[in-house]
Protein backbone atom coordinates (compact mmCIF):
# COMPACT_ATOMS: atom_id res chain seq x y z
CA UNK A 1 -129.74 13.06 19.37
CA UNK A 2 -133.07 11.64 21.09
CA UNK A 3 -130.94 8.91 22.69
CA UNK A 4 -128.53 11.51 24.12
CA UNK A 5 -131.08 13.90 25.74
CA UNK A 6 -132.27 11.17 28.44
CA UNK A 7 -128.49 10.55 29.33
CA UNK A 8 -127.83 14.26 29.76
CA UNK A 9 -131.00 14.54 31.88
CA UNK A 10 -129.88 11.66 34.02
CA UNK A 11 -126.32 13.01 34.48
CA UNK A 12 -127.82 16.22 35.58
CA UNK A 13 -129.90 14.30 38.22
CA UNK A 14 -126.92 12.52 39.60
CA UNK A 15 -125.07 16.00 40.00
CA UNK A 16 -127.95 17.91 41.56
CA UNK A 17 -127.60 18.65 45.19
CA UNK A 18 -130.50 19.75 47.38
CA UNK A 19 -130.82 23.44 47.89
CA UNK A 20 -129.96 25.34 51.01
CA UNK A 21 -132.54 27.24 52.89
CA UNK A 22 -130.72 30.51 51.68
CA UNK A 23 -130.83 29.50 48.00
CA UNK A 24 -134.52 28.44 48.11
CA UNK A 25 -135.42 31.86 50.00
CA UNK A 26 -133.41 33.67 47.21
CA UNK A 27 -135.31 32.10 44.37
CA UNK A 28 -138.69 32.78 46.08
CA UNK A 29 -137.77 36.47 46.39
CA UNK A 30 -136.92 36.51 42.58
CA UNK A 31 -140.05 34.70 41.83
CA UNK A 32 -142.33 37.10 44.08
CA UNK A 33 -140.53 40.33 42.42
CA UNK A 34 -141.15 38.78 38.81
CA UNK A 35 -144.73 37.99 39.72
CA UNK A 36 -145.41 41.62 41.18
CA UNK A 37 -144.13 43.16 37.92
CA UNK A 38 -146.91 43.14 35.16
CA UNK A 39 -146.10 41.65 31.96
CA UNK A 40 -145.06 44.40 29.30
CA UNK A 41 -147.88 42.96 27.02
CA UNK A 42 -150.54 44.42 29.65
CA UNK A 43 -152.14 47.69 28.37
CA UNK A 44 -153.98 48.89 25.24
CA UNK A 45 -152.47 48.58 21.80
CA UNK A 46 -153.41 50.61 18.55
CA UNK A 47 -152.63 48.98 15.19
CA UNK A 48 -150.26 51.16 12.94
CA UNK A 49 -153.08 51.27 10.17
CA UNK A 50 -150.71 53.18 7.74
CA UNK A 51 -148.68 50.00 7.25
CA UNK A 52 -151.62 48.00 6.02
CA UNK A 53 -152.34 48.08 2.27
CA UNK A 54 -154.97 50.40 1.49
CA UNK A 55 -157.32 48.19 0.15
CA UNK A 56 -157.20 45.98 3.35
CA UNK A 57 -157.00 48.76 5.68
CA UNK A 58 -159.40 49.15 8.59
CA UNK A 59 -160.23 52.60 10.19
CA UNK A 60 -158.86 51.23 13.71
CA UNK A 61 -157.86 48.10 15.57
CA UNK A 62 -157.37 48.27 19.40
CA UNK A 63 -156.11 45.16 21.35
CA UNK A 64 -156.26 45.35 25.15
CA UNK A 65 -154.41 42.61 27.33
CA UNK A 66 -155.08 42.16 31.09
CA UNK A 67 -153.63 39.63 33.27
CA UNK A 68 -155.51 38.59 36.46
CA UNK A 69 -153.74 37.63 39.74
CA UNK A 70 -154.45 33.88 38.65
CA UNK A 71 -152.36 34.55 35.70
CA UNK A 72 -155.34 34.25 33.25
CA UNK A 73 -155.24 36.64 30.25
CA UNK A 74 -158.39 38.71 29.24
CA UNK A 75 -158.17 40.22 25.87
CA UNK A 76 -160.44 42.62 24.15
CA UNK A 77 -160.23 43.42 20.40
CA UNK A 78 -162.01 46.20 18.69
CA UNK A 79 -161.84 46.46 14.86
CA UNK A 80 -163.47 49.48 12.96
CA UNK A 81 -163.70 48.56 9.19
CA UNK A 82 -163.06 51.15 6.43
CA UNK A 83 -167.00 51.39 6.13
CA UNK A 84 -167.44 52.07 9.79
CA UNK A 85 -168.49 48.59 10.82
CA UNK A 86 -167.61 47.55 14.20
CA UNK A 87 -166.55 44.08 15.57
CA UNK A 88 -165.45 43.14 18.97
CA UNK A 89 -164.20 39.98 20.36
CA UNK A 90 -163.54 39.11 24.37
CA UNK A 91 -161.86 36.02 25.84
CA UNK A 92 -160.21 35.21 29.07
CA UNK A 93 -157.66 32.19 29.08
CA UNK A 94 -154.82 30.54 30.78
CA UNK A 95 -151.52 30.03 28.96
CA UNK A 96 -152.08 26.38 29.06
CA UNK A 97 -152.95 26.03 25.32
CA UNK A 98 -156.49 24.75 26.19
CA UNK A 99 -158.99 26.35 23.76
CA UNK A 100 -161.62 28.82 25.19
CA UNK A 101 -164.75 30.30 23.83
CA UNK A 102 -164.37 33.64 22.45
CA UNK A 103 -167.52 36.10 22.73
CA UNK A 104 -168.31 38.85 20.49
CA UNK A 105 -169.61 39.44 16.83
CA UNK A 106 -166.32 38.36 14.79
CA UNK A 107 -167.99 35.75 12.47
CA UNK A 108 -164.50 34.20 11.56
CA UNK A 109 -163.41 32.95 15.11
CA UNK A 110 -165.14 31.23 18.06
CA UNK A 111 -162.17 29.79 20.20
CA UNK A 112 -158.81 31.16 21.34
CA UNK A 113 -155.79 29.17 23.08
CA UNK A 114 -152.80 30.92 24.56
CA UNK A 115 -149.15 30.29 25.41
CA UNK A 116 -146.71 32.62 27.05
CA UNK A 117 -143.01 31.60 26.28
CA UNK A 118 -141.63 34.98 27.56
CA UNK A 119 -142.81 37.90 29.53
CA UNK A 120 -142.93 40.04 26.44
CA UNK A 121 -144.66 37.33 24.24
CA UNK A 122 -147.85 35.82 24.07
CA UNK A 123 -148.95 33.15 21.35
CA UNK A 124 -152.36 33.07 20.34
CA UNK A 125 -154.28 30.45 18.37
CA UNK A 126 -157.65 31.44 16.85
CA UNK A 127 -160.05 28.64 15.79
CA UNK A 128 -163.41 28.35 14.14
CA UNK A 129 -165.78 25.12 14.53
CA UNK A 130 -162.74 23.28 15.77
CA UNK A 131 -160.48 24.12 13.09
CA UNK A 132 -157.36 26.54 13.34
CA UNK A 133 -157.73 29.88 11.56
CA UNK A 134 -154.59 31.48 12.62
CA UNK A 135 -151.64 31.75 15.16
CA UNK A 136 -150.57 35.14 16.26
CA UNK A 137 -147.34 35.97 18.26
CA UNK A 138 -147.50 39.08 20.00
CA UNK A 139 -143.93 40.48 20.95
CA UNK A 140 -143.28 43.76 22.84
CA UNK A 141 -140.07 45.68 21.70
CA UNK A 142 -137.62 46.71 24.13
CA UNK A 143 -139.01 50.17 24.30
CA UNK A 144 -142.30 48.75 25.78
CA UNK A 145 -144.23 51.20 23.50
CA UNK A 146 -144.33 49.17 20.31
CA UNK A 147 -145.53 45.56 19.55
CA UNK A 148 -145.27 43.17 16.60
CA UNK A 149 -148.07 40.92 15.59
CA UNK A 150 -146.67 37.90 13.46
CA UNK A 151 -149.72 36.14 11.96
CA UNK A 152 -149.36 32.52 10.56
CA UNK A 153 -152.41 31.77 8.67
CA UNK A 154 -153.69 28.14 8.81
CA UNK A 155 -153.54 26.35 5.43
CA UNK A 156 -152.83 22.99 4.02
CA UNK A 157 -149.73 24.19 2.33
CA UNK A 158 -146.81 26.29 3.50
CA UNK A 159 -148.55 29.05 5.67
CA UNK A 160 -148.46 32.70 4.77
CA UNK A 161 -146.73 34.74 7.30
CA UNK A 162 -147.63 38.59 7.87
CA UNK A 163 -146.34 41.04 10.43
CA UNK A 164 -148.36 43.93 11.83
CA UNK A 165 -147.25 46.87 14.19
CA UNK A 166 -148.88 48.15 17.12
CA UNK A 167 -148.15 51.02 19.29
CA UNK A 168 -149.05 51.30 23.07
CA UNK A 169 -151.80 53.71 23.78
CA UNK A 170 -152.07 53.28 27.52
């Protein structure tokens, strides 16, 4: 299979023809239109705490995603624990997978890195002291009002997977 991939790529280069000016302009318009439309991830999301086991249930979790014109993502997370304690974290990162520092008072993380494989999906890896803590995949539903968070916990064995559910609040 690995040998076949370069052959297919070379064959594709042989049959590729230069674009006409009309084809290039059409693609530029589509790109501009797509870039002008904000990602469905942008906004504030509230965790559906009723779906969390009672012994693990926080009072509230809010995640806010913002995307800047230079395509960097800013994330603000607020967690209010069952006892009323409050933790917050903020980060701004490109979707290039390069870890950046997280600020806030969450003692279990200090870095975040991002990838965005689709407009409605953001992959976030959280780390602490240079080691992975978890990877989270945020996917907005077709209704643009619901979002799932699939959490893959870092471990030395087969990772544990969890799914949580969020609702758009604005």
